Amino acid sequence: MPLESINYLMIVLAALVIAGSYWGMYMEKSVDGVFALFISPSPL
């Protein structure tokens, strides 16, 4: 098996963080808002 269960868990968590960042920017509806400028890029 090339990947273990922890690897799949990390991939899913990363996808959830990315999706959550996009959801937060969508909810704020502001290009220069606090979420779009400071919170969303922080996991990167």
N, C-alpha and C. Protein backbone atom coordinates (compact mmCIF):
# COMPACT_ATOMS: atom_id res chain seq x y z
N MET A 1 0.85 -1.18 0.00
CA MET A 1 0.00 0.00 0.00
C MET A 1 0.89 1.25 0.00
N PRO A 2 0.77 2.11 -1.00
CA PRO A 2 1.67 3.26 -1.12
C PRO A 2 1.46 4.31 -0.02
N LEU A 3 0.23 4.52 0.40
CA LEU A 3 -0.03 5.50 1.43
C LEU A 3 -0.71 4.83 2.62
N GLU A 4 -0.35 5.30 3.82
CA GLU A 4 -0.99 4.78 5.01
C GLU A 4 -2.21 5.63 5.36
N SER A 5 -2.95 5.22 6.35
CA SER A 5 -4.19 5.92 6.69
C SER A 5 -3.93 7.35 7.15
N ILE A 6 -2.81 7.60 7.80
CA ILE A 6 -2.50 8.96 8.25
C ILE A 6 -2.30 9.89 7.06
N ASN A 7 -1.76 9.38 5.97
CA ASN A 7 -1.57 10.19 4.77
C ASN A 7 -2.90 10.61 4.17
N TYR A 8 -3.84 9.68 4.12
CA TYR A 8 -5.16 10.02 3.60
C TYR A 8 -5.86 11.02 4.51
N LEU A 9 -5.68 10.88 5.81
CA LEU A 9 -6.27 11.82 6.76
C LEU A 9 -5.70 13.22 6.55
N MET A 10 -4.42 13.33 6.35
CA MET A 10 -3.78 14.63 6.11
C MET A 10 -4.27 15.26 4.81
N ILE A 11 -4.45 14.46 3.77
CA ILE A 11 -4.97 14.98 2.50
C ILE A 11 -6.38 15.51 2.67
N VAL A 12 -7.22 14.78 3.40
CA VAL A 12 -8.60 15.22 3.63
C VAL A 12 -8.62 16.50 4.47
N LEU A 13 -7.79 16.57 5.50
CA LEU A 13 -7.74 17.78 6.32
C LEU A 13 -7.27 18.99 5.52
N ALA A 14 -6.29 18.80 4.66
CA ALA A 14 -5.81 19.90 3.81
C ALA A 14 -6.91 20.37 2.87
N ALA A 15 -7.65 19.44 2.30
CA ALA A 15 -8.75 19.82 1.41
C ALA A 15 -9.83 20.58 2.18
N LEU A 16 -10.09 20.18 3.42
CA LEU A 16 -11.08 20.88 4.24
C LEU A 16 -10.62 22.29 4.60
N VAL A 17 -9.35 22.46 4.86
CA VAL A 17 -8.82 23.80 5.17
C VAL A 17 -8.95 24.70 3.95
N ILE A 18 -8.63 24.18 2.79
CA ILE A 18 -8.75 24.98 1.56
C ILE A 18 -10.20 25.32 1.28
N ALA A 19 -11.10 24.33 1.40
CA ALA A 19 -12.52 24.58 1.16
C ALA A 19 -13.07 25.57 2.18
N GLY A 20 -12.65 25.46 3.43
CA GLY A 20 -13.10 26.39 4.46
C GLY A 20 -12.64 27.81 4.19
N SER A 21 -11.43 27.95 3.66
CA SER A 21 -10.93 29.29 3.32
C SER A 21 -11.75 29.93 2.21
N TYR A 22 -12.06 29.14 1.19
CA TYR A 22 -12.89 29.67 0.10
C TYR A 22 -14.30 29.99 0.60
N TRP A 23 -14.84 29.16 1.48
CA TRP A 23 -16.18 29.41 2.03
C TRP A 23 -16.18 30.71 2.84
N GLY A 24 -15.14 30.94 3.63
CA GLY A 24 -15.05 32.17 4.42
C GLY A 24 -14.97 33.40 3.54
N MET A 25 -14.20 33.33 2.46
CA MET A 25 -14.12 34.46 1.54
C MET A 25 -15.46 34.69 0.85
N TYR A 26 -16.15 33.62 0.52
CA TYR A 26 -17.47 33.74 -0.11
C TYR A 26 -18.47 34.39 0.84
N MET A 27 -18.43 34.02 2.09
CA MET A 27 -19.37 34.58 3.06
C MET A 27 -19.08 36.05 3.34
N GLU A 28 -17.83 36.46 3.28
CA GLU A 28 -17.48 37.84 3.55
C GLU A 28 -17.85 38.76 2.38
N LYS A 29 -17.75 38.25 1.16
CA LYS A 29 -18.09 38.98 -0.07
C LYS A 29 -17.34 40.31 -0.20
N SER A 30 -16.07 40.30 0.16
CA SER A 30 -15.26 41.50 0.03
C SER A 30 -13.86 41.09 -0.42
N VAL A 31 -13.39 41.71 -1.49
CA VAL A 31 -12.07 41.37 -2.01
C VAL A 31 -10.98 41.82 -1.05
N ASP A 32 -11.15 42.98 -0.44
CA ASP A 32 -10.15 43.52 0.48
C ASP A 32 -10.55 43.32 1.93
N GLY A 33 -11.32 42.30 2.22
CA GLY A 33 -11.77 42.04 3.58
C GLY A 33 -10.70 41.39 4.43
N VAL A 34 -10.95 41.35 5.72
CA VAL A 34 -10.01 40.78 6.67
C VAL A 34 -9.79 39.30 6.38
N PHE A 35 -10.84 38.58 6.10
CA PHE A 35 -10.70 37.13 5.87
C PHE A 35 -9.89 36.85 4.62
N ALA A 36 -10.17 37.58 3.54
CA ALA A 36 -9.46 37.33 2.28
C ALA A 36 -7.98 37.71 2.36
N LEU A 37 -7.65 38.72 3.15
CA LEU A 37 -6.27 39.19 3.18
C LEU A 37 -5.40 38.55 4.26
N PHE A 38 -6.00 38.19 5.39
CA PHE A 38 -5.18 37.75 6.51
C PHE A 38 -5.45 36.32 6.97
N ILE A 39 -6.68 35.87 6.98
CA ILE A 39 -7.00 34.57 7.55
C ILE A 39 -6.83 33.45 6.52
N SER A 40 -7.35 33.63 5.32
CA SER A 40 -7.26 32.57 4.32
C SER A 40 -5.84 32.20 3.91
N PRO A 41 -4.93 33.16 3.73
CA PRO A 41 -3.57 32.77 3.34
C PRO A 41 -2.75 32.17 4.48
N SER A 42 -3.20 32.25 5.72
CA SER A 42 -2.38 31.84 6.85
C SER A 42 -1.99 30.36 6.83
N PRO A 43 -2.84 29.41 6.36
CA PRO A 43 -2.37 28.02 6.31
C PRO A 43 -1.24 27.79 5.31
N LEU A 44 -1.11 28.69 4.34
CA LEU A 44 -0.06 28.52 3.34
C LEU A 44 1.26 28.93 3.92
